[in-house]
Amino acid sequence: MTPETTPRIFLETVRKYQDRVAMRKKEYGLWHDISWNEYFELVRSVTCALISLGLKKGDRVAIIGENCPEWVTIDMGIQCAGGVAVGIYSTNAWQQVEYVIQNSEALFFFVENEEQLDKWLNFRENTPSL
């Protein structure tokens, strides 16, 4: 029996539901649908980008930001590339973010916005592997 993995279940779900709504995103007060096929293409872009940047199976990738479709897409892209997603609360102070990054040995770091990027800029000299 083949073990079920999150990426495998994701791909089966994409095949099954294709053009049906996978999630919704609110922009400028209006909700926009994202189909399973669209979600797949976004995940594929993240997966390919990480692999082309040298991500290897088991490498850790940190993500900091609010709950949103982009976060879910990046998380799934990391898993599909064989990486391990390391979620960081967006409310953490930069010192806490540094602790998680260093202790997880993350090699890549996705930030949601400039506020989150500023946290990394406080300790980037301490994380040359990023």
N, C-alpha and C. Protein backbone atom coordinates (compact mmCIF):
# COMPACT_ATOMS: atom_id res chain seq x y z
N MET A 1 0.84 -1.19 0.00
CA MET A 1 0.00 0.00 0.00
C MET A 1 0.88 1.25 0.00
N THR A 2 0.59 2.17 -0.89
CA THR A 2 1.34 3.41 -0.98
C THR A 2 0.88 4.37 0.12
N PRO A 3 1.82 4.90 0.89
CA PRO A 3 1.41 5.84 1.95
C PRO A 3 0.83 7.12 1.35
N GLU A 4 -0.18 7.63 1.99
CA GLU A 4 -0.78 8.89 1.56
C GLU A 4 0.08 10.05 2.06
N THR A 5 0.38 10.96 1.19
CA THR A 5 1.09 12.17 1.57
C THR A 5 0.21 13.36 1.22
N THR A 6 0.48 14.48 1.83
CA THR A 6 -0.30 15.68 1.53
C THR A 6 -0.19 16.05 0.05
N PRO A 7 1.00 16.05 -0.57
CA PRO A 7 1.06 16.35 -2.00
C PRO A 7 0.26 15.37 -2.86
N ARG A 8 0.29 14.09 -2.52
CA ARG A 8 -0.47 13.10 -3.28
C ARG A 8 -1.97 13.37 -3.17
N ILE A 9 -2.43 13.64 -1.97
CA ILE A 9 -3.85 13.95 -1.76
C ILE A 9 -4.23 15.22 -2.51
N PHE A 10 -3.35 16.22 -2.48
CA PHE A 10 -3.58 17.47 -3.20
C PHE A 10 -3.77 17.19 -4.69
N LEU A 11 -2.87 16.42 -5.29
CA LEU A 11 -2.95 16.13 -6.73
C LEU A 11 -4.22 15.35 -7.07
N GLU A 12 -4.60 14.41 -6.22
CA GLU A 12 -5.84 13.66 -6.45
C GLU A 12 -7.05 14.60 -6.38
N THR A 13 -7.02 15.53 -5.46
CA THR A 13 -8.11 16.49 -5.31
C THR A 13 -8.19 17.41 -6.52
N VAL A 14 -7.04 17.85 -7.02
CA VAL A 14 -7.02 18.70 -8.22
C VAL A 14 -7.64 17.94 -9.39
N ARG A 15 -7.24 16.69 -9.59
CA ARG A 15 -7.80 15.89 -10.68
C ARG A 15 -9.31 15.72 -10.54
N LYS A 16 -9.76 15.55 -9.32
CA LYS A 16 -11.19 15.29 -9.07
C LYS A 16 -12.04 16.54 -9.25
N TYR A 17 -11.57 17.68 -8.75
CA TYR A 17 -12.41 18.89 -8.69
C TYR A 17 -12.04 19.97 -9.71
N GLN A 18 -10.94 19.88 -10.37
CA GLN A 18 -10.46 20.75 -11.43
C GLN A 18 -10.94 22.20 -11.40
N ASP A 19 -12.10 22.47 -11.98
CA ASP A 19 -12.59 23.85 -12.10
C ASP A 19 -13.49 24.29 -10.95
N ARG A 20 -13.69 23.43 -9.98
CA ARG A 20 -14.50 23.83 -8.83
C ARG A 20 -13.67 24.73 -7.92
N VAL A 21 -14.34 25.46 -7.06
CA VAL A 21 -13.68 26.42 -6.19
C VAL A 21 -12.89 25.70 -5.09
N ALA A 22 -11.62 26.02 -5.00
CA ALA A 22 -10.75 25.48 -3.95
C ALA A 22 -10.71 26.42 -2.75
N MET A 23 -10.66 27.71 -3.03
CA MET A 23 -10.62 28.72 -1.97
C MET A 23 -11.03 30.06 -2.55
N ARG A 24 -11.24 30.99 -1.67
CA ARG A 24 -11.62 32.34 -2.09
C ARG A 24 -10.68 33.35 -1.43
N LYS A 25 -10.51 34.46 -2.14
CA LYS A 25 -9.65 35.53 -1.62
C LYS A 25 -10.38 36.86 -1.76
N LYS A 26 -10.33 37.63 -0.69
CA LYS A 26 -10.99 38.94 -0.71
C LYS A 26 -9.97 40.00 -1.11
N GLU A 27 -10.29 40.74 -2.18
CA GLU A 27 -9.45 41.84 -2.65
C GLU A 27 -10.32 43.05 -2.87
N TYR A 28 -9.96 44.14 -2.24
CA TYR A 28 -10.70 45.40 -2.38
C TYR A 28 -12.19 45.20 -2.10
N GLY A 29 -12.49 44.39 -1.10
CA GLY A 29 -13.87 44.17 -0.69
C GLY A 29 -14.65 43.17 -1.51
N LEU A 30 -14.04 42.61 -2.54
CA LEU A 30 -14.72 41.63 -3.39
C LEU A 30 -14.05 40.26 -3.26
N TRP A 31 -14.88 39.23 -3.22
CA TRP A 31 -14.37 37.87 -3.13
C TRP A 31 -14.09 37.33 -4.53
N HIS A 32 -12.93 36.70 -4.69
CA HIS A 32 -12.54 36.09 -5.95
C HIS A 32 -12.30 34.60 -5.74
N ASP A 33 -12.87 33.79 -6.63
CA ASP A 33 -12.70 32.35 -6.55
C ASP A 33 -11.36 31.93 -7.12
N ILE A 34 -10.78 30.91 -6.51
CA ILE A 34 -9.57 30.26 -7.03
C ILE A 34 -9.93 28.80 -7.21
N SER A 35 -9.89 28.33 -8.45
CA SER A 35 -10.24 26.94 -8.73
C SER A 35 -9.09 26.01 -8.33
N TRP A 36 -9.40 24.73 -8.29
CA TRP A 36 -8.36 23.74 -7.99
C TRP A 36 -7.27 23.76 -9.06
N ASN A 37 -7.65 23.94 -10.32
CA ASN A 37 -6.65 24.02 -11.39
C ASN A 37 -5.76 25.25 -11.23
N GLU A 38 -6.36 26.39 -10.87
CA GLU A 38 -5.58 27.61 -10.66
C GLU A 38 -4.64 27.44 -9.46
N TYR A 39 -5.17 26.85 -8.40
CA TYR A 39 -4.39 26.57 -7.20
C TYR A 39 -3.20 25.67 -7.57
N PHE A 40 -3.45 24.64 -8.37
CA PHE A 40 -2.39 23.74 -8.80
C PHE A 40 -1.28 24.50 -9.54
N GLU A 41 -1.65 25.37 -10.46
CA GLU A 41 -0.65 26.12 -11.23
C GLU A 41 0.18 27.03 -10.34
N LEU A 42 -0.46 27.64 -9.35
CA LEU A 42 0.28 28.48 -8.40
C LEU A 42 1.27 27.64 -7.59
N VAL A 43 0.78 26.49 -7.11
CA VAL A 43 1.64 25.58 -6.34
C VAL A 43 2.80 25.10 -7.22
N ARG A 44 2.50 24.76 -8.45
CA ARG A 44 3.54 24.29 -9.37
C ARG A 44 4.62 25.34 -9.56
N SER A 45 4.24 26.60 -9.64
CA SER A 45 5.22 27.69 -9.78
C SER A 45 6.14 27.76 -8.57
N VAL A 46 5.56 27.66 -7.38
CA VAL A 46 6.37 27.70 -6.15
C VAL A 46 7.29 26.49 -6.11
N THR A 47 6.75 25.31 -6.40
CA THR A 47 7.53 24.08 -6.37
C THR A 47 8.72 24.17 -7.33
N CYS A 48 8.46 24.57 -8.55
CA CYS A 48 9.53 24.67 -9.56
C CYS A 48 10.57 25.72 -9.17
N ALA A 49 10.12 26.83 -8.62
CA ALA A 49 11.05 27.88 -8.20
C ALA A 49 11.98 27.37 -7.10
N LEU A 50 11.41 26.70 -6.12
CA LEU A 50 12.24 26.19 -5.02
C LEU A 50 13.25 25.16 -5.50
N ILE A 51 12.79 24.26 -6.35
CA ILE A 51 13.71 23.24 -6.88
C ILE A 51 14.82 23.89 -7.70
N SER A 52 14.45 24.89 -8.52
CA SER A 52 15.47 25.57 -9.33
C SER A 52 16.46 26.35 -8.48
N LEU A 53 16.03 26.75 -7.28
CA LEU A 53 16.93 27.46 -6.37
C LEU A 53 17.78 26.50 -5.53
N GLY A 54 17.55 25.20 -5.70
CA GLY A 54 18.39 24.22 -5.02
C GLY A 54 17.78 23.52 -3.84
N LEU A 55 16.49 23.67 -3.61
CA LEU A 55 15.85 22.98 -2.48
C LEU A 55 15.99 21.47 -2.66
N LYS A 56 16.40 20.80 -1.59
CA LYS A 56 16.54 19.35 -1.57
C LYS A 56 15.50 18.76 -0.61
N LYS A 57 15.21 17.48 -0.81
CA LYS A 57 14.25 16.80 0.05
C LYS A 57 14.68 16.95 1.52
N GLY A 58 13.72 17.38 2.34
CA GLY A 58 13.98 17.54 3.76
C GLY A 58 14.46 18.92 4.17
N ASP A 59 14.84 19.77 3.20
CA ASP A 59 15.25 21.14 3.54
C ASP A 59 14.07 21.89 4.14
N ARG A 60 14.37 22.75 5.09
CA ARG A 60 13.34 23.55 5.74
C ARG A 60 13.19 24.90 5.07
N VAL A 61 11.91 25.32 4.96
CA VAL A 61 11.56 26.60 4.35
C VAL A 61 10.62 27.31 5.30
N ALA A 62 11.00 28.49 5.76
CA ALA A 62 10.18 29.25 6.69
C ALA A 62 9.20 30.15 5.94
N ILE A 63 8.03 30.34 6.55
CA ILE A 63 6.99 31.23 6.00
C ILE A 63 6.49 32.08 7.16
N ILE A 64 6.40 33.40 6.93
CA ILE A 64 5.80 34.27 7.92
C ILE A 64 4.76 35.16 7.24
N GLY A 65 3.58 35.19 7.82
CA GLY A 65 2.51 36.00 7.26
C GLY A 65 1.17 35.61 7.85
N GLU A 66 0.16 36.34 7.45
CA GLU A 66 -1.20 36.05 7.90
C GLU A 66 -1.75 34.86 7.13
N ASN A 67 -2.83 34.27 7.65
CA ASN A 67 -3.52 33.21 6.92
C ASN A 67 -4.12 33.79 5.65
N CYS A 68 -3.74 33.24 4.51
CA CYS A 68 -4.24 33.73 3.23
C CYS A 68 -3.95 32.68 2.16
N PRO A 69 -4.57 32.79 0.99
CA PRO A 69 -4.31 31.81 -0.07
C PRO A 69 -2.82 31.70 -0.45
N GLU A 70 -2.10 32.80 -0.40
CA GLU A 70 -0.68 32.75 -0.75
C GLU A 70 0.10 31.87 0.24
N TRP A 71 -0.24 31.98 1.51
CA TRP A 71 0.43 31.17 2.53
C TRP A 71 0.18 29.69 2.26
N VAL A 72 -1.08 29.34 1.99
CA VAL A 72 -1.46 27.95 1.72
C VAL A 72 -0.75 27.45 0.46
N THR A 73 -0.67 28.29 -0.55
CA THR A 73 -0.01 27.93 -1.81
C THR A 73 1.48 27.68 -1.59
N ILE A 74 2.14 28.55 -0.86
CA ILE A 74 3.56 28.39 -0.58
C ILE A 74 3.80 27.12 0.24
N ASP A 75 2.98 26.91 1.25
CA ASP A 75 3.10 25.71 2.09
C ASP A 75 3.00 24.45 1.23
N MET A 76 2.00 24.38 0.37
CA MET A 76 1.83 23.21 -0.49
C MET A 76 2.98 23.08 -1.48
N GLY A 77 3.45 24.21 -2.02
CA GLY A 77 4.58 24.18 -2.94
C GLY A 77 5.84 23.63 -2.28
N ILE A 78 6.06 24.01 -1.04
CA ILE A 78 7.20 23.49 -0.28
C ILE A 78 7.10 21.98 -0.15
N GLN A 79 5.91 21.51 0.25
CA GLN A 79 5.73 20.07 0.43
C GLN A 79 5.88 19.31 -0.88
N CYS A 80 5.33 19.85 -1.96
CA CYS A 80 5.44 19.19 -3.26
C CYS A 80 6.88 19.13 -3.75
N ALA A 81 7.70 20.07 -3.32
CA ALA A 81 9.12 20.08 -3.69
C ALA A 81 9.95 19.17 -2.77
N GLY A 82 9.31 18.60 -1.76
CA GLY A 82 10.01 17.72 -0.84
C GLY A 82 10.55 18.42 0.39
N GLY A 83 10.23 19.70 0.53
CA GLY A 83 10.71 20.46 1.68
C GLY A 83 9.79 20.34 2.88
N VAL A 84 10.23 20.94 3.96
CA VAL A 84 9.46 20.97 5.20
C VAL A 84 9.12 22.42 5.50
N ALA A 85 7.82 22.71 5.58
CA ALA A 85 7.38 24.09 5.85
C ALA A 85 7.51 24.39 7.34
N VAL A 86 8.07 25.55 7.64
CA VAL A 86 8.22 26.02 9.01
C VAL A 86 7.40 27.30 9.14
N GLY A 87 6.22 27.19 9.72
CA GLY A 87 5.36 28.36 9.88
C GLY A 87 5.79 29.21 11.06
N ILE A 88 5.77 30.51 10.86
CA ILE A 88 6.14 31.46 11.92
C ILE A 88 4.99 32.45 12.06
N TYR A 89 4.57 32.68 13.30
CA TYR A 89 3.50 33.64 13.55
C TYR A 89 3.92 35.04 13.12
N SER A 90 3.04 35.72 12.44
CA SER A 90 3.35 37.08 11.97
C SER A 90 3.44 38.07 13.13
N THR A 91 2.90 37.68 14.28
CA THR A 91 2.94 38.57 15.45
C THR A 91 4.24 38.43 16.25
N ASN A 92 5.08 37.47 15.89
CA ASN A 92 6.35 37.29 16.61
C ASN A 92 7.27 38.49 16.41
N ALA A 93 8.00 38.82 17.47
CA ALA A 93 9.03 39.85 17.39
C ALA A 93 10.20 39.30 16.58
N TRP A 94 11.06 40.18 16.08
CA TRP A 94 12.16 39.73 15.22
C TRP A 94 13.07 38.74 15.93
N GLN A 95 13.23 38.89 17.26
CA GLN A 95 14.09 37.97 18.00
C GLN A 95 13.51 36.55 17.98
N GLN A 96 12.18 36.46 18.06
CA GLN A 96 11.52 35.15 18.01
C GLN A 96 11.62 34.55 16.61
N VAL A 97 11.50 35.39 15.61
CA VAL A 97 11.63 34.93 14.23
C VAL A 97 13.05 34.40 14.01
N GLU A 98 14.03 35.13 14.49
CA GLU A 98 15.42 34.69 14.37
C GLU A 98 15.62 33.33 15.04
N TYR A 99 15.06 33.16 16.22
CA TYR A 99 15.18 31.89 16.95
C TYR A 99 14.62 30.73 16.12
N VAL A 100 13.43 30.92 15.56
CA VAL A 100 12.81 29.85 14.77
C VAL A 100 13.64 29.55 13.52
N ILE A 101 14.07 30.59 12.84
CA ILE A 101 14.87 30.41 11.62
C ILE A 101 16.16 29.63 11.94
N GLN A 102 16.86 30.06 12.97
CA GLN A 102 18.13 29.41 13.30
C GLN A 102 17.94 27.98 13.79
N ASN A 103 16.96 27.76 14.64
CA ASN A 103 16.77 26.43 15.20
C ASN A 103 16.14 25.44 14.23
N SER A 104 15.44 25.94 13.24
CA SER A 104 14.87 25.06 12.23
C SER A 104 15.88 24.79 11.10
N GLU A 105 16.93 25.61 11.07
CA GLU A 105 17.94 25.54 10.00
C GLU A 105 17.31 25.76 8.62
N ALA A 106 16.36 26.69 8.57
CA ALA A 106 15.69 27.02 7.30
C ALA A 106 16.71 27.58 6.31
N LEU A 107 16.54 27.16 5.06
CA LEU A 107 17.42 27.64 3.99
C LEU A 107 16.75 28.68 3.10
N PHE A 108 15.43 28.75 3.20
CA PHE A 108 14.64 29.71 2.42
C PHE A 108 13.64 30.35 3.37
N PHE A 109 13.19 31.56 3.01
CA PHE A 109 12.29 32.30 3.89
C PHE A 109 11.34 33.13 3.05
N PHE A 110 10.05 32.82 3.14
CA PHE A 110 9.01 33.61 2.47
C PHE A 110 8.42 34.59 3.48
N VAL A 111 8.34 35.87 3.09
CA VAL A 111 7.73 36.88 3.95
C VAL A 111 6.54 37.49 3.23
N GLU A 112 5.50 37.81 3.99
CA GLU A 112 4.27 38.33 3.40
C GLU A 112 4.40 39.76 2.91
N ASN A 113 5.12 40.57 3.66
CA ASN A 113 5.12 42.00 3.34
C ASN A 113 6.38 42.66 3.91
N GLU A 114 6.44 43.96 3.75
CA GLU A 114 7.61 44.72 4.20
C GLU A 114 7.78 44.65 5.71
N GLU A 115 6.68 44.65 6.44
CA GLU A 115 6.77 44.55 7.90
C GLU A 115 7.48 43.27 8.32
N GLN A 116 7.16 42.18 7.67
CA GLN A 116 7.80 40.90 8.00
C GLN A 116 9.25 40.87 7.49
N LEU A 117 9.50 41.47 6.35
CA LEU A 117 10.86 41.56 5.83
C LEU A 117 11.76 42.34 6.78
N ASP A 118 11.23 43.41 7.35
CA ASP A 118 12.00 44.22 8.29
C ASP A 118 12.50 43.39 9.47
N LYS A 119 11.71 42.40 9.89
CA LYS A 119 12.15 41.54 11.00
C LYS A 119 13.42 40.80 10.61
N TRP A 120 13.43 40.23 9.39
CA TRP A 120 14.60 39.49 8.94
C TRP A 120 15.81 40.42 8.79
N LEU A 121 15.58 41.64 8.33
CA LEU A 121 16.68 42.58 8.14
C LEU A 121 17.41 42.87 9.45
N ASN A 122 16.74 42.69 10.59
CA ASN A 122 17.37 42.88 11.90
C ASN A 122 18.41 41.81 12.22
N PHE A 123 18.29 40.64 11.61
CA PHE A 123 19.21 39.55 11.96
C PHE A 123 19.80 38.83 10.75
N ARG A 124 19.72 39.41 9.59
CA ARG A 124 20.18 38.71 8.38
C ARG A 124 21.66 38.33 8.44
N GLU A 125 22.48 39.10 9.13
CA GLU A 125 23.90 38.75 9.24
C GLU A 125 24.09 37.45 10.01
N ASN A 126 23.13 37.10 10.85
CA ASN A 126 23.21 35.88 11.66
C ASN A 126 22.67 34.66 10.92
N THR A 127 22.15 34.85 9.71
CA THR A 127 21.56 33.74 8.96
C THR A 127 22.11 33.73 7.53
N PRO A 128 23.41 33.48 7.38
CA PRO A 128 24.00 33.52 6.04
C PRO A 128 23.48 32.42 5.11
N SER A 129 22.87 31.37 5.67
CA SER A 129 22.38 30.28 4.82
C SER A 129 21.11 30.65 4.07
N LEU A 130 20.43 31.72 4.50
CA LEU A 130 19.21 32.13 3.80
C LEU A 130 19.55 32.84 2.51
